[in-house]
Amino acid sequence: GASPEPCDRLSPAPFSLPPLPAAMPSSPPDVSQVLLPLGG
């Protein structure tokens, strides 16, 4: 629960959205899932 150390603003941490699938899924994701990882 410790607070993160301040970071250099010129070197922003990379965001980490889950990787996209390598191939098109058999059924498309639900629209409600498009921005699900944004909260992180």
Full PDB file with SEQRES, HELIX, SHEET, SSBOND, CRYST1, ORIGX, SCALE, CONECT and MASTER records, all heavy atoms in Angstrom:
SEQRES   1 A   40  GLY ALA SER PRO GLU PRO CYS ASP ARG LEU SER PRO ALA          
SEQRES   2 A   40  PRO PHE SER LEU PRO PRO LEU PRO ALA ALA MET PRO SER          
SEQRES   3 A   40  SER PRO PRO ASP VAL SER GLN VAL LEU LEU PRO LEU GLY          
SEQRES   4 A   40  GLY                                                          
HELIX    1 AA1 VAL A   31  GLN A   33  5                                   3    
HELIX    2 AA2 LEU A   36  GLY A   39  5                                   4    
CRYST1    1.000    1.000    1.000  90.00  90.00  90.00 P 1           1          
ORIGX1      1.000000  0.000000  0.000000        0.00000                         
ORIGX2      0.000000  1.000000  0.000000        0.00000                         
ORIGX3      0.000000  0.000000  1.000000        0.00000                         
SCALE1      1.000000  0.000000  0.000000        0.00000                         
SCALE2      0.000000  1.000000  0.000000        0.00000                         
SCALE3      0.000000  0.000000  1.000000        0.00000                         
ATOM      1  N   GLY A   1       0.812  -1.221   0.000  1.00  0.00           N  
ATOM      2  CA  GLY A   1       0.000   0.000   0.000  1.00  0.00           C  
ATOM      3  C   GLY A   1       0.830   1.249   0.000  1.00  0.00           C  
ATOM      4  O   GLY A   1       0.309   2.347   0.111  1.00  0.00           O  
ATOM      5  N   ALA A   2       2.155   1.082  -0.114  1.00  0.00           N  
ATOM      6  CA  ALA A   2       3.030   2.244  -0.084  1.00  0.00           C  
ATOM      7  C   ALA A   2       2.831   3.103  -1.313  1.00  0.00           C  
ATOM      8  O   ALA A   2       2.554   2.607  -2.400  1.00  0.00           O  
ATOM      9  CB  ALA A   2       4.489   1.795   0.000  1.00  0.00           C  
ATOM     10  N   SER A   3       2.989   4.407  -1.143  1.00  0.00           N  
ATOM     11  CA  SER A   3       2.841   5.337  -2.261  1.00  0.00           C  
ATOM     12  C   SER A   3       4.026   5.202  -3.189  1.00  0.00           C  
ATOM     13  O   SER A   3       5.164   5.003  -2.740  1.00  0.00           O  
ATOM     14  CB  SER A   3       2.760   6.779  -1.753  1.00  0.00           C  
ATOM     15  OG  SER A   3       1.660   6.931  -0.910  1.00  0.00           O  
ATOM     16  N   PRO A   4       3.816   5.263  -4.528  1.00  0.00           N  
ATOM     17  CA  PRO A   4       4.916   5.158  -5.475  1.00  0.00           C  
ATOM     18  C   PRO A   4       5.855   6.340  -5.362  1.00  0.00           C  
ATOM     19  O   PRO A   4       5.451   7.446  -5.014  1.00  0.00           O  
ATOM     20  CB  PRO A   4       4.204   5.132  -6.838  1.00  0.00           C  
ATOM     21  CG  PRO A   4       2.919   5.829  -6.596  1.00  0.00           C  
ATOM     22  CD  PRO A   4       2.532   5.494  -5.186  1.00  0.00           C  
ATOM     23  N   GLU A   5       7.119   6.094  -5.639  1.00  0.00           N  
ATOM     24  CA  GLU A   5       8.109   7.148  -5.627  1.00  0.00           C  
ATOM     25  C   GLU A   5       7.854   8.112  -6.784  1.00  0.00           C  
ATOM     26  O   GLU A   5       7.403   7.694  -7.857  1.00  0.00           O  
ATOM     27  CB  GLU A   5       9.511   6.552  -5.758  1.00  0.00           C  
ATOM     28  CG  GLU A   5       9.944   5.713  -4.550  1.00  0.00           C  
ATOM     29  CD  GLU A   5      10.094   6.565  -3.300  1.00  0.00           C  
ATOM     30  OE1 GLU A   5      10.560   7.713  -3.430  1.00  0.00           O  
ATOM     31  OE2 GLU A   5       9.731   6.088  -2.211  1.00  0.00           O  
ATOM     32  N   PRO A   6       8.129   9.405  -6.618  1.00  0.00           N  
ATOM     33  CA  PRO A   6       7.964  10.359  -7.732  1.00  0.00           C  
ATOM     34  C   PRO A   6       8.829   9.933  -8.902  1.00  0.00           C  
ATOM     35  O   PRO A   6       9.947   9.462  -8.731  1.00  0.00           O  
ATOM     36  CB  PRO A   6       8.441  11.680  -7.118  1.00  0.00           C  
ATOM     37  CG  PRO A   6       8.314  11.505  -5.645  1.00  0.00           C  
ATOM     38  CD  PRO A   6       8.583  10.053  -5.372  1.00  0.00           C  
ATOM     39  N   CYS A   7       8.321  10.090 -10.120  1.00  0.00           N  
ATOM     40  CA  CYS A   7       9.073   9.691 -11.303  1.00  0.00           C  
ATOM     41  C   CYS A   7       9.429  10.918 -12.128  1.00  0.00           C  
ATOM     42  O   CYS A   7       8.813  11.963 -12.008  1.00  0.00           O  
ATOM     43  CB  CYS A   7       8.267   8.705 -12.165  1.00  0.00           C  
ATOM     44  SG  CYS A   7       6.723   9.380 -12.775  1.00  0.00           S  
ATOM     45  N   ASP A   8      10.441  10.759 -12.948  1.00  0.00           N  
ATOM     46  CA  ASP A   8      10.873  11.826 -13.837  1.00  0.00           C  
ATOM     47  C   ASP A   8       9.788  12.061 -14.867  1.00  0.00           C  
ATOM     48  O   ASP A   8       9.418  11.157 -15.621  1.00  0.00           O  
ATOM     49  CB  ASP A   8      12.185  11.392 -14.515  1.00  0.00           C  
ATOM     50  CG  ASP A   8      12.748  12.491 -15.398  1.00  0.00           C  
ATOM     51  OD1 ASP A   8      12.076  13.537 -15.571  1.00  0.00           O  
ATOM     52  OD2 ASP A   8      13.850  12.286 -15.912  1.00  0.00           O  
ATOM     53  N   ARG A   9       9.260  13.264 -14.981  1.00  0.00           N  
ATOM     54  CA  ARG A   9       8.158  13.554 -15.898  1.00  0.00           C  
ATOM     55  C   ARG A   9       8.580  13.438 -17.351  1.00  0.00           C  
ATOM     56  O   ARG A   9       7.753  13.356 -18.236  1.00  0.00           O  
ATOM     57  CB  ARG A   9       7.600  14.944 -15.616  1.00  0.00           C  
ATOM     58  CG  ARG A   9       6.966  15.076 -14.245  1.00  0.00           C  
ATOM     59  CD  ARG A   9       6.313  16.439 -14.092  1.00  0.00           C  
ATOM     60  NE  ARG A   9       5.216  16.587 -15.032  1.00  0.00           N  
ATOM     61  CZ  ARG A   9       3.996  16.126 -14.813  1.00  0.00           C  
ATOM     62  NH1 ARG A   9       3.713  15.428 -13.729  1.00  0.00           N  
ATOM     63  NH2 ARG A   9       3.042  16.339 -15.697  1.00  0.00           N  
ATOM     64  N   LEU A  10       9.899  13.415 -17.615  1.00  0.00           N  
ATOM     65  CA  LEU A  10      10.352  13.265 -18.985  1.00  0.00           C  
ATOM     66  C   LEU A  10      10.411  11.801 -19.401  1.00  0.00           C  
ATOM     67  O   LEU A  10      10.623  11.486 -20.560  1.00  0.00           O  
ATOM     68  CB  LEU A  10      11.744  13.902 -19.152  1.00  0.00           C  
ATOM     69  CG  LEU A  10      11.800  15.413 -18.926  1.00  0.00           C  
ATOM     70  CD1 LEU A  10      13.229  15.904 -19.098  1.00  0.00           C  
ATOM     71  CD2 LEU A  10      10.872  16.134 -19.887  1.00  0.00           C  
ATOM     72  N   SER A  11      10.233  10.885 -18.435  1.00  0.00           N  
ATOM     73  CA  SER A  11      10.278   9.458 -18.732  1.00  0.00           C  
ATOM     74  C   SER A  11       9.033   8.787 -18.185  1.00  0.00           C  
ATOM     75  O   SER A  11       9.069   8.092 -17.176  1.00  0.00           O  
ATOM     76  CB  SER A  11      11.535   8.827 -18.117  1.00  0.00           C  
ATOM     77  OG  SER A  11      12.687   9.457 -18.603  1.00  0.00           O  
ATOM     78  N   PRO A  12       7.864   9.013 -18.812  1.00  0.00           N  
ATOM     79  CA  PRO A  12       6.607   8.478 -18.300  1.00  0.00           C  
ATOM     80  C   PRO A  12       6.596   6.961 -18.318  1.00  0.00           C  
ATOM     81  O   PRO A  12       7.127   6.331 -19.221  1.00  0.00           O  
ATOM     82  CB  PRO A  12       5.559   9.057 -19.259  1.00  0.00           C  
ATOM     83  CG  PRO A  12       6.310   9.324 -20.507  1.00  0.00           C  
ATOM     84  CD  PRO A  12       7.682   9.746 -20.073  1.00  0.00           C  
ATOM     85  N   ALA A  13       5.983   6.385 -17.303  1.00  0.00           N  
ATOM     86  CA  ALA A  13       5.871   4.934 -17.247  1.00  0.00           C  
ATOM     87  C   ALA A  13       4.966   4.450 -18.358  1.00  0.00           C  
ATOM     88  O   ALA A  13       3.954   5.063 -18.659  1.00  0.00           O  
ATOM     89  CB  ALA A  13       5.291   4.529 -15.883  1.00  0.00           C  
ATOM     90  N   PRO A  14       5.316   3.340 -18.988  1.00  0.00           N  
ATOM     91  CA  PRO A  14       4.471   2.820 -20.066  1.00  0.00           C  
ATOM     92  C   PRO A  14       3.148   2.322 -19.514  1.00  0.00           C  
ATOM     93  O   PRO A  14       3.098   1.750 -18.424  1.00  0.00           O  
ATOM     94  CB  PRO A  14       5.301   1.666 -20.634  1.00  0.00           C  
ATOM     95  CG  PRO A  14       6.160   1.239 -19.495  1.00  0.00           C  
ATOM     96  CD  PRO A  14       6.487   2.492 -18.743  1.00  0.00           C  
ATOM     97  N   PHE A  15       2.061   2.555 -20.242  1.00  0.00           N  
ATOM     98  CA  PHE A  15       0.785   2.042 -19.800  1.00  0.00           C  
ATOM     99  C   PHE A  15       0.719   0.557 -20.104  1.00  0.00           C  
ATOM    100  O   PHE A  15       1.502   0.029 -20.881  1.00  0.00           O  
ATOM    101  CB  PHE A  15      -0.374   2.791 -20.472  1.00  0.00           C  
ATOM    102  CG  PHE A  15      -0.518   2.546 -21.926  1.00  0.00           C  
ATOM    103  CD1 PHE A  15      -1.340   1.535 -22.384  1.00  0.00           C  
ATOM    104  CD2 PHE A  15       0.162   3.317 -22.849  1.00  0.00           C  
ATOM    105  CE1 PHE A  15      -1.484   1.309 -23.729  1.00  0.00           C  
ATOM    106  CE2 PHE A  15       0.023   3.096 -24.197  1.00  0.00           C  
ATOM    107  CZ  PHE A  15      -0.796   2.084 -24.645  1.00  0.00           C  
ATOM    108  N   SER A  16      -0.194  -0.153 -19.483  1.00  0.00           N  
ATOM    109  CA  SER A  16      -0.191  -1.604 -19.604  1.00  0.00           C  
ATOM    110  C   SER A  16      -1.593  -2.145 -19.838  1.00  0.00           C  
ATOM    111  O   SER A  16      -2.124  -2.889 -19.032  1.00  0.00           O  
ATOM    112  CB  SER A  16       0.404  -2.239 -18.344  1.00  0.00           C  
ATOM    113  OG  SER A  16      -0.292  -1.798 -17.187  1.00  0.00           O  
ATOM    114  N   LEU A  17      -2.203  -1.719 -20.921  1.00  0.00           N  
ATOM    115  CA  LEU A  17      -3.446  -2.358 -21.325  1.00  0.00           C  
ATOM    116  C   LEU A  17      -3.134  -3.800 -21.695  1.00  0.00           C  
ATOM    117  O   LEU A  17      -2.085  -4.088 -22.269  1.00  0.00           O  
ATOM    118  CB  LEU A  17      -4.053  -1.648 -22.537  1.00  0.00           C  
ATOM    119  CG  LEU A  17      -4.689  -0.291 -22.292  1.00  0.00           C  
ATOM    120  CD1 LEU A  17      -5.146   0.313 -23.599  1.00  0.00           C  
ATOM    121  CD2 LEU A  17      -5.858  -0.381 -21.347  1.00  0.00           C  
ATOM    122  N   PRO A  18      -4.018  -4.745 -21.388  1.00  0.00           N  
ATOM    123  CA  PRO A  18      -3.776  -6.126 -21.788  1.00  0.00           C  
ATOM    124  C   PRO A  18      -3.566  -6.223 -23.291  1.00  0.00           C  
ATOM    125  O   PRO A  18      -4.149  -5.449 -24.057  1.00  0.00           O  
ATOM    126  CB  PRO A  18      -5.075  -6.829 -21.365  1.00  0.00           C  
ATOM    127  CG  PRO A  18      -5.614  -5.989 -20.255  1.00  0.00           C  
ATOM    128  CD  PRO A  18      -5.249  -4.583 -20.625  1.00  0.00           C  
ATOM    129  N   PRO A  19      -2.714  -7.148 -23.747  1.00  0.00           N  
ATOM    130  CA  PRO A  19      -2.429  -7.241 -25.178  1.00  0.00           C  
ATOM    131  C   PRO A  19      -3.662  -7.594 -25.985  1.00  0.00           C  
ATOM    132  O   PRO A  19      -4.571  -8.273 -25.501  1.00  0.00           O  
ATOM    133  CB  PRO A  19      -1.384  -8.365 -25.258  1.00  0.00           C  
ATOM    134  CG  PRO A  19      -1.624  -9.173 -24.020  1.00  0.00           C  
ATOM    135  CD  PRO A  19      -2.031  -8.189 -22.966  1.00  0.00           C  
ATOM    136  N   LEU A  20      -3.685  -7.095 -27.215  1.00  0.00           N  
ATOM    137  CA  LEU A  20      -4.775  -7.421 -28.120  1.00  0.00           C  
ATOM    138  C   LEU A  20      -4.613  -8.845 -28.629  1.00  0.00           C  
ATOM    139  O   LEU A  20      -3.494  -9.345 -28.735  1.00  0.00           O  
ATOM    140  CB  LEU A  20      -4.762  -6.454 -29.311  1.00  0.00           C  
ATOM    141  CG  LEU A  20      -5.033  -5.002 -28.942  1.00  0.00           C  
ATOM    142  CD1 LEU A  20      -4.691  -4.105 -30.126  1.00  0.00           C  
ATOM    143  CD2 LEU A  20      -6.483  -4.822 -28.561  1.00  0.00           C  
ATOM    144  N   PRO A  21      -5.691  -9.542 -28.949  1.00  0.00           N  
ATOM    145  CA  PRO A  21      -5.568 -10.903 -29.470  1.00  0.00           C  
ATOM    146  C   PRO A  21      -4.854 -10.923 -30.802  1.00  0.00           C  
ATOM    147  O   PRO A  21      -4.960  -9.996 -31.593  1.00  0.00           O  
ATOM    148  CB  PRO A  21      -7.039 -11.347 -29.617  1.00  0.00           C  
ATOM    149  CG  PRO A  21      -7.832 -10.084 -29.676  1.00  0.00           C  
ATOM    150  CD  PRO A  21      -7.088  -9.091 -28.845  1.00  0.00           C  
ATOM    151  N   ALA A  22      -4.115 -12.002 -31.043  1.00  0.00           N  
ATOM    152  CA  ALA A  22      -3.354 -12.110 -32.286  1.00  0.00           C  
ATOM    153  C   ALA A  22      -4.269 -12.301 -33.477  1.00  0.00           C  
ATOM    154  O   ALA A  22      -3.937 -11.965 -34.607  1.00  0.00           O  
ATOM    155  CB  ALA A  22      -2.366 -13.270 -32.184  1.00  0.00           C  
ATOM    156  N   ALA A  23      -5.429 -12.868 -33.258  1.00  0.00           N  
ATOM    157  CA  ALA A  23      -6.377 -13.102 -34.347  1.00  0.00           C  
ATOM    158  C   ALA A  23      -7.754 -12.644 -33.909  1.00  0.00           C  
ATOM    159  O   ALA A  23      -8.046 -12.531 -32.717  1.00  0.00           O  
ATOM    160  CB  ALA A  23      -6.415 -14.592 -34.712  1.00  0.00           C  
ATOM    161  N   MET A  24      -8.599 -12.386 -34.876  1.00  0.00           N  
ATOM    162  CA  MET A  24      -9.957 -11.946 -34.583  1.00  0.00           C  
ATOM    163  C   MET A  24     -10.716 -13.033 -33.842  1.00  0.00           C  
ATOM    164  O   MET A  24     -10.744 -14.180 -34.264  1.00  0.00           O  
ATOM    165  CB  MET A  24     -10.683 -11.625 -35.893  1.00  0.00           C  
ATOM    166  CG  MET A  24     -12.119 -11.190 -35.701  1.00  0.00           C  
ATOM    167  SD  MET A  24     -12.252  -9.684 -34.722  1.00  0.00           S  
ATOM    168  CE  MET A  24     -11.342  -8.560 -35.733  1.00  0.00           C  
ATOM    169  N   PRO A  25     -11.314 -12.740 -32.685  1.00  0.00           N  
ATOM    170  CA  PRO A  25     -12.076 -13.747 -31.960  1.00  0.00           C  
ATOM    171  C   PRO A  25     -13.294 -14.178 -32.753  1.00  0.00           C  
ATOM    172  O   PRO A  25     -13.773 -13.469 -33.625  1.00  0.00           O  
ATOM    173  CB  PRO A  25     -12.479 -13.015 -30.663  1.00  0.00           C  
ATOM    174  CG  PRO A  25     -12.447 -11.566 -31.024  1.00  0.00           C  
ATOM    175  CD  PRO A  25     -11.350 -11.420 -32.039  1.00  0.00           C  
ATOM    176  N   SER A  26     -13.802 -15.363 -32.407  1.00  0.00           N  
ATOM    177  CA  SER A  26     -14.965 -15.878 -33.130  1.00  0.00           C  
ATOM    178  C   SER A  26     -16.182 -15.004 -32.921  1.00  0.00           C  
ATOM    179  O   SER A  26     -17.046 -14.886 -33.774  1.00  0.00           O  
ATOM    180  CB  SER A  26     -15.270 -17.310 -32.666  1.00  0.00           C  
ATOM    181  OG  SER A  26     -15.463 -17.336 -31.258  1.00  0.00           O  
ATOM    182  N   SER A  27     -16.279 -14.372 -31.753  1.00  0.00           N  
ATOM    183  CA  SER A  27     -17.339 -13.396 -31.521  1.00  0.00           C  
ATOM    184  C   SER A  27     -16.699 -12.134 -30.955  1.00  0.00           C  
ATOM    185  O   SER A  27     -15.811 -12.213 -30.106  1.00  0.00           O  
ATOM    186  CB  SER A  27     -18.377 -13.944 -30.532  1.00  0.00           C  
ATOM    187  OG  SER A  27     -17.763 -14.258 -29.303  1.00  0.00           O  
ATOM    188  N   PRO A  28     -17.111 -10.962 -31.442  1.00  0.00           N  
ATOM    189  CA  PRO A  28     -16.473  -9.715 -31.006  1.00  0.00           C  
ATOM    190  C   PRO A  28     -16.716  -9.442 -29.541  1.00  0.00           C  
ATOM    191  O   PRO A  28     -17.735  -9.846 -28.978  1.00  0.00           O  
ATOM    192  CB  PRO A  28     -17.150  -8.661 -31.896  1.00  0.00           C  
ATOM    193  CG  PRO A  28     -18.446  -9.270 -32.281  1.00  0.00           C  
ATOM    194  CD  PRO A  28     -18.196 -10.738 -32.399  1.00  0.00           C  
ATOM    195  N   PRO A  29     -15.795  -8.732 -28.865  1.00  0.00           N  
ATOM    196  CA  PRO A  29     -15.991  -8.382 -27.462  1.00  0.00           C  
ATOM    197  C   PRO A  29     -17.213  -7.493 -27.292  1.00  0.00           C  
ATOM    198  O   PRO A  29     -17.630  -6.791 -28.202  1.00  0.00           O  
ATOM    199  CB  PRO A  29     -14.704  -7.612 -27.115  1.00  0.00           C  
ATOM    200  CG  PRO A  29     -13.725  -7.956 -28.188  1.00  0.00           C  
ATOM    201  CD  PRO A  29     -14.531  -8.225 -29.408  1.00  0.00           C  
ATOM    202  N   ASP A  30     -17.774  -7.530 -26.100  1.00  0.00           N  
ATOM    203  CA  ASP A  30     -18.899  -6.661 -25.786  1.00  0.00           C  
ATOM    204  C   ASP A  30     -18.415  -5.220 -25.722  1.00  0.00           C  
ATOM    205  O   ASP A  30     -17.297  -4.950 -25.296  1.00  0.00           O  
ATOM    206  CB  ASP A  30     -19.496  -7.073 -24.434  1.00  0.00           C  
ATOM    207  CG  ASP A  30     -20.760  -6.298 -24.116  1.00  0.00           C  
ATOM    208  OD1 ASP A  30     -21.833  -6.709 -24.565  1.00  0.00           O  
ATOM    209  OD2 ASP A  30     -20.645  -5.276 -23.425  1.00  0.00           O  
ATOM    210  N   VAL A  31     -19.276  -4.283 -26.133  1.00  0.00           N  
ATOM    211  CA  VAL A  31     -18.855  -2.880 -26.166  1.00  0.00           C  
ATOM    212  C   VAL A  31     -18.488  -2.362 -24.785  1.00  0.00           C  
ATOM    213  O   VAL A  31     -17.669  -1.455 -24.647  1.00  0.00           O  
ATOM    214  CB  VAL A  31     -19.949  -1.981 -26.785  1.00  0.00           C  
ATOM    215  CG1 VAL A  31     -20.195  -2.351 -28.231  1.00  0.00           C  
ATOM    216  CG2 VAL A  31     -21.238  -2.044 -25.991  1.00  0.00           C  
ATOM    217  N   SER A  32     -19.065  -2.950 -23.744  1.00  0.00           N  
ATOM    218  CA  SER A  32     -18.775  -2.480 -22.388  1.00  0.00           C  
ATOM    219  C   SER A  32     -17.359  -2.819 -21.950  1.00  0.00           C  
ATOM    220  O   SER A  32     -16.869  -2.293 -20.952  1.00  0.00           O  
ATOM    221  CB  SER A  32     -19.775  -3.090 -21.394  1.00  0.00           C  
ATOM    222  OG  SER A  32     -19.622  -4.500 -21.326  1.00  0.00           O  
ATOM    223  N   GLN A  33     -16.681  -3.699 -22.703  1.00  0.00           N  
ATOM    224  CA  GLN A  33     -15.335  -4.126 -22.334  1.00  0.00           C  
ATOM    225  C   GLN A  33     -14.241  -3.302 -22.998  1.00  0.00           C  
ATOM    226  O   GLN A  33     -13.066  -3.476 -22.687  1.00  0.00           O  
ATOM    227  CB  GLN A  33     -15.137  -5.605 -22.717  1.00  0.00           C  
ATOM    228  CG  GLN A  33     -16.165  -6.547 -22.134  1.00  0.00           C  
ATOM    229  CD  GLN A  33     -16.189  -6.510 -20.620  1.00  0.00           C  
ATOM    230  OE1 GLN A  33     -15.172  -6.694 -19.972  1.00  0.00           O  
ATOM    231  NE2 GLN A  33     -17.357  -6.257 -20.051  1.00  0.00           N  
ATOM    232  N   VAL A  34     -14.601  -2.402 -23.917  1.00  0.00           N  
ATOM    233  CA  VAL A  34     -13.593  -1.688 -24.693  1.00  0.00           C  
ATOM    234  C   VAL A  34     -12.666  -0.880 -23.795  1.00  0.00           C  
ATOM    235  O   VAL A  34     -11.450  -0.877 -23.964  1.00  0.00           O  
ATOM    236  CB  VAL A  34     -14.257  -0.762 -25.736  1.00  0.00           C  
ATOM    237  CG1 VAL A  34     -13.211   0.091 -26.438  1.00  0.00           C  
ATOM    238  CG2 VAL A  34     -15.024  -1.597 -26.755  1.00  0.00           C  
ATOM    239  N   LEU A  35     -13.229  -0.182 -22.814  1.00  0.00           N  
ATOM    240  CA  LEU A  35     -12.429   0.670 -21.940  1.00  0.00           C  
ATOM    241  C   LEU A  35     -12.284   0.112 -20.536  1.00  0.00           C  
ATOM    242  O   LEU A  35     -11.878   0.814 -19.626  1.00  0.00           O  
ATOM    243  CB  LEU A  35     -13.049   2.070 -21.858  1.00  0.00           C  
ATOM    244  CG  LEU A  35     -13.070   2.864 -23.158  1.00  0.00           C  
ATOM    245  CD1 LEU A  35     -13.630   4.249 -22.919  1.00  0.00           C  
ATOM    246  CD2 LEU A  35     -11.696   2.958 -23.767  1.00  0.00           C  
ATOM    247  N   LEU A  36     -12.570  -1.162 -20.356  1.00  0.00           N  
ATOM    248  CA  LEU A  36     -12.527  -1.757 -19.025  1.00  0.00           C  
ATOM    249  C   LEU A  36     -11.191  -1.552 -18.320  1.00  0.00           C  
ATOM    250  O   LEU A  36     -11.158  -1.246 -17.128  1.00  0.00           O  
ATOM    251  CB  LEU A  36     -12.857  -3.247 -19.112  1.00  0.00           C  
ATOM    252  CG  LEU A  36     -13.039  -3.974 -17.778  1.00  0.00           C  
ATOM    253  CD1 LEU A  36     -14.216  -3.373 -17.007  1.00  0.00           C  
ATOM    254  CD2 LEU A  36     -13.273  -5.466 -18.015  1.00  0.00           C  
ATOM    255  N   PRO A  37     -10.028  -1.703 -19.015  1.00  0.00           N  
ATOM    256  CA  PRO A  37      -8.756  -1.558 -18.308  1.00  0.00           C  
ATOM    257  C   PRO A  37      -8.364  -0.100 -18.032  1.00  0.00           C  
ATOM    258  O   PRO A  37      -7.319   0.133 -17.450  1.00  0.00           O  
ATOM    259  CB  PRO A  37      -7.732  -2.189 -19.280  1.00  0.00           C  
ATOM    260  CG  PRO A  37      -8.544  -2.889 -20.322  1.00  0.00           C  
ATOM    261  CD  PRO A  37      -9.831  -2.139 -20.393  1.00  0.00           C  
ATOM    262  N   LEU A  38      -9.162   0.860 -18.448  1.00  0.00           N  
ATOM    263  CA  LEU A  38      -8.765   2.261 -18.312  1.00  0.00           C  
ATOM    264  C   LEU A  38      -8.600   2.682 -16.859  1.00  0.00           C  
ATOM    265  O   LEU A  38      -7.756   3.508 -16.538  1.00  0.00           O  
ATOM    266  CB  LEU A  38      -9.799   3.164 -18.985  1.00  0.00           C  
ATOM    267  CG  LEU A  38      -9.446   4.660 -19.065  1.00  0.00           C  
ATOM    268  CD1 LEU A  38      -8.262   4.851 -19.977  1.00  0.00           C  
ATOM    269  CD2 LEU A  38     -10.634   5.463 -19.525  1.00  0.00           C  
ATOM    270  N   GLY A  39      -9.395   2.073 -15.970  1.00  0.00           N  
ATOM    271  CA  GLY A  39      -9.334   2.471 -14.568  1.00  0.00           C  
ATOM    272  C   GLY A  39      -7.950   2.339 -13.970  1.00  0.00           C  
ATOM    273  O   GLY A  39      -7.557   3.119 -13.099  1.00  0.00           O  
ATOM    274  N   GLY A  40      -7.163   1.372 -14.426  1.00  0.00           N  
ATOM    275  CA  GLY A  40      -5.818   1.174 -13.911  1.00  0.00           C  
ATOM    276  C   GLY A  40      -4.858   2.268 -14.307  1.00  0.00           C  
ATOM    277  O   GLY A  40      -3.740   2.339 -13.782  1.00  0.00           O  
TER     278      GLY A  40                                                      
MASTER        0    0    0    2    0    0    0    6  277    1    0    4          
END                                                                             
